[in-house]
């Protein structure tokens, strides 16, 4: 093997290792909740990930938005503190579109449970839990 080919081979191997480590690190930074359980929200789950240093919650593709007047994101932390967040449906979304993901505010330090909350009826429509709190 001539030196030029050896260098190319070494650089390719180094690139492959870097990509493998990056994918592995990203996968370790994702957490999936249990399936939603509740009277109106009982399909799908939530995935927690970190993007650009911020915590992001994303609803799965099989999640079905409850047909209720005012569904919201609500999270509960490991100490039992409840945080009412944003609406799932907004006027900007037309038809069956909804806010599939939300960036958690910095004051929410961790999440144990995600609740789909009807603010109009003040009712828990369904909830999904993480096996351990995610930050």
Protein backbone atom coordinates (compact mmCIF):
# COMPACT_ATOMS: atom_id res chain seq x y z
CA UNK A 1 0.00 0.00 0.00
CA UNK A 2 1.49 3.35 -0.97
CA UNK A 3 1.56 6.21 1.56
CA UNK A 4 -1.20 8.22 -0.16
CA UNK A 5 -3.66 5.32 -0.01
CA UNK A 6 -2.70 4.62 3.60
CA UNK A 7 -3.46 8.22 4.58
CA UNK A 8 -6.80 8.11 2.74
CA UNK A 9 -7.68 4.85 4.49
CA UNK A 10 -6.71 6.28 7.88
CA UNK A 11 -8.76 9.45 7.31
CA UNK A 12 -11.81 7.41 6.26
CA UNK A 13 -11.51 5.22 9.34
CA UNK A 14 -11.21 8.30 11.55
CA UNK A 15 -14.26 9.88 9.92
CA UNK A 16 -16.31 6.69 10.40
CA UNK A 17 -15.34 6.50 14.08
CA UNK A 18 -16.27 10.17 14.60
CA UNK A 19 -19.67 9.66 12.98
CA UNK A 20 -20.28 6.51 15.04
CA UNK A 21 -19.46 8.31 18.30
CA UNK A 22 -21.65 11.29 17.35
CA UNK A 23 -24.62 9.05 16.59
CA UNK A 24 -24.08 7.10 19.80
CA UNK A 25 -23.89 10.30 21.86
CA UNK A 26 -27.08 11.62 20.28
CA UNK A 27 -28.90 8.35 20.91
CA UNK A 28 -27.86 8.35 24.56
CA UNK A 29 -29.39 11.80 24.94
CA UNK A 30 -32.89 10.62 24.00
CA UNK A 31 -35.45 9.17 26.39
CA UNK A 32 -38.86 7.71 25.55
CA UNK A 33 -41.84 7.76 27.90
CA UNK A 34 -44.48 5.15 28.49
CA UNK A 35 -47.55 5.19 26.26
CA UNK A 36 -50.14 7.85 27.04
CA UNK A 37 -52.90 6.56 29.32
CA UNK A 38 -56.11 8.47 29.86
CA UNK A 39 -59.69 9.05 28.84
CA UNK A 40 -58.89 11.09 25.70
CA UNK A 41 -55.12 10.85 25.10
CA UNK A 42 -54.23 7.16 24.99
CA UNK A 43 -52.06 6.66 21.92
CA UNK A 44 -48.42 7.46 21.36
CA UNK A 45 -45.61 8.54 23.66
CA UNK A 46 -43.18 11.43 24.22
CA UNK A 47 -39.47 11.55 23.46
CA UNK A 48 -37.14 13.84 25.39
CA UNK A 49 -33.98 15.03 23.67
CA UNK A 50 -31.43 17.79 24.01
CA UNK A 51 -30.97 20.11 21.05
CA UNK A 52 -28.56 23.05 21.13
CA UNK A 53 -28.36 22.69 24.91
CA UNK A 54 -32.14 22.89 25.37
CA UNK A 55 -34.56 20.18 26.48
CA UNK A 56 -37.14 19.29 23.84
CA UNK A 57 -40.25 17.11 24.18
CA UNK A 58 -41.63 15.55 20.98
CA UNK A 59 -44.89 13.66 20.56
CA UNK A 60 -44.69 10.43 18.55
CA UNK A 61 -46.24 10.13 15.10
CA UNK A 62 -49.00 7.85 16.41
CA UNK A 63 -50.14 10.39 19.02
CA UNK A 64 -53.71 11.57 18.44
CA UNK A 65 -54.64 15.06 19.64
CA UNK A 66 -57.76 14.83 21.82
CA UNK A 67 -60.88 16.39 20.35
CA UNK A 68 -61.36 18.81 23.24
CA UNK A 69 -61.61 22.62 23.36
CA UNK A 70 -58.18 23.55 24.75
CA UNK A 71 -55.52 20.79 25.03
CA UNK A 72 -52.20 21.94 26.50
CA UNK A 73 -48.78 20.58 27.35
CA UNK A 74 -48.36 20.09 31.09
CA UNK A 75 -45.28 18.59 32.75
CA UNK A 76 -44.55 17.40 36.27
CA UNK A 77 -41.03 17.35 37.70
CA UNK A 78 -39.46 14.92 40.17
CA UNK A 79 -40.57 17.06 43.14
CA UNK A 80 -44.21 17.11 42.00
CA UNK A 81 -44.14 20.69 40.71
CA UNK A 82 -46.61 21.17 37.86
CA UNK A 83 -45.85 23.40 34.88
CA UNK A 84 -48.58 24.43 32.45
CA UNK A 85 -46.97 25.09 29.11
CA UNK A 86 -48.22 25.85 25.63
CA UNK A 87 -51.34 24.87 23.69
CA UNK A 88 -51.23 21.84 21.43
CA UNK A 89 -53.49 23.54 18.88
CA UNK A 90 -52.99 27.14 17.85
CA UNK A 91 -54.76 29.39 15.41
CA UNK A 92 -51.67 29.28 13.18
CA UNK A 93 -52.18 25.54 12.69
CA UNK A 94 -54.86 24.68 10.15
CA UNK A 95 -56.83 21.43 10.11
CA UNK A 96 -55.40 18.57 12.14
CA UNK A 97 -51.95 20.14 12.59
CA UNK A 98 -50.67 20.71 16.11
CA UNK A 99 -47.57 21.64 18.11
CA UNK A 100 -45.79 18.29 18.01
CA UNK A 101 -42.78 19.45 20.00
CA UNK A 102 -42.01 21.98 22.67
CA UNK A 103 -38.79 23.43 24.04
CA UNK A 104 -38.90 23.33 27.82
CA UNK A 105 -38.38 26.66 29.60
CA UNK A 106 -35.15 26.89 31.60
CA UNK A 107 -37.06 26.98 34.91
CA UNK A 108 -38.26 23.38 34.33
CA UNK A 109 -35.27 21.47 35.73
CA UNK A 110 -36.48 17.94 34.96
CA UNK A 111 -39.56 16.05 33.75
CA UNK A 112 -41.05 12.92 35.27
CA UNK A 113 -44.41 13.02 33.55
CA UNK A 114 -46.08 14.67 30.56
CA UNK A 115 -49.79 15.38 30.78
CA UNK A 116 -52.13 16.44 28.02
CA UNK A 117 -54.30 18.91 29.91
CA UNK A 118 -57.60 20.47 28.87
CA UNK A 119 -57.35 24.01 30.23
CA UNK A 120 -61.01 24.73 29.46
CA UNK A 121 -62.40 21.76 31.43
CA UNK A 122 -59.42 21.61 33.81
CA UNK A 123 -59.10 17.88 33.16
CA UNK A 124 -56.28 15.41 32.66
CA UNK A 125 -56.82 13.92 29.19
CA UNK A 126 -53.91 11.49 29.42
CA UNK A 127 -50.40 11.17 30.77
CA UNK A 128 -47.11 9.47 29.96
CA UNK A 129 -44.24 8.91 32.40
CA UNK A 130 -40.50 8.55 32.04
CA UNK A 131 -38.83 5.66 33.89
CA UNK A 132 -36.64 8.25 35.62
CA UNK A 133 -36.71 12.06 35.48
CA UNK A 134 -35.14 13.56 32.36
CA UNK A 135 -33.31 16.90 32.23
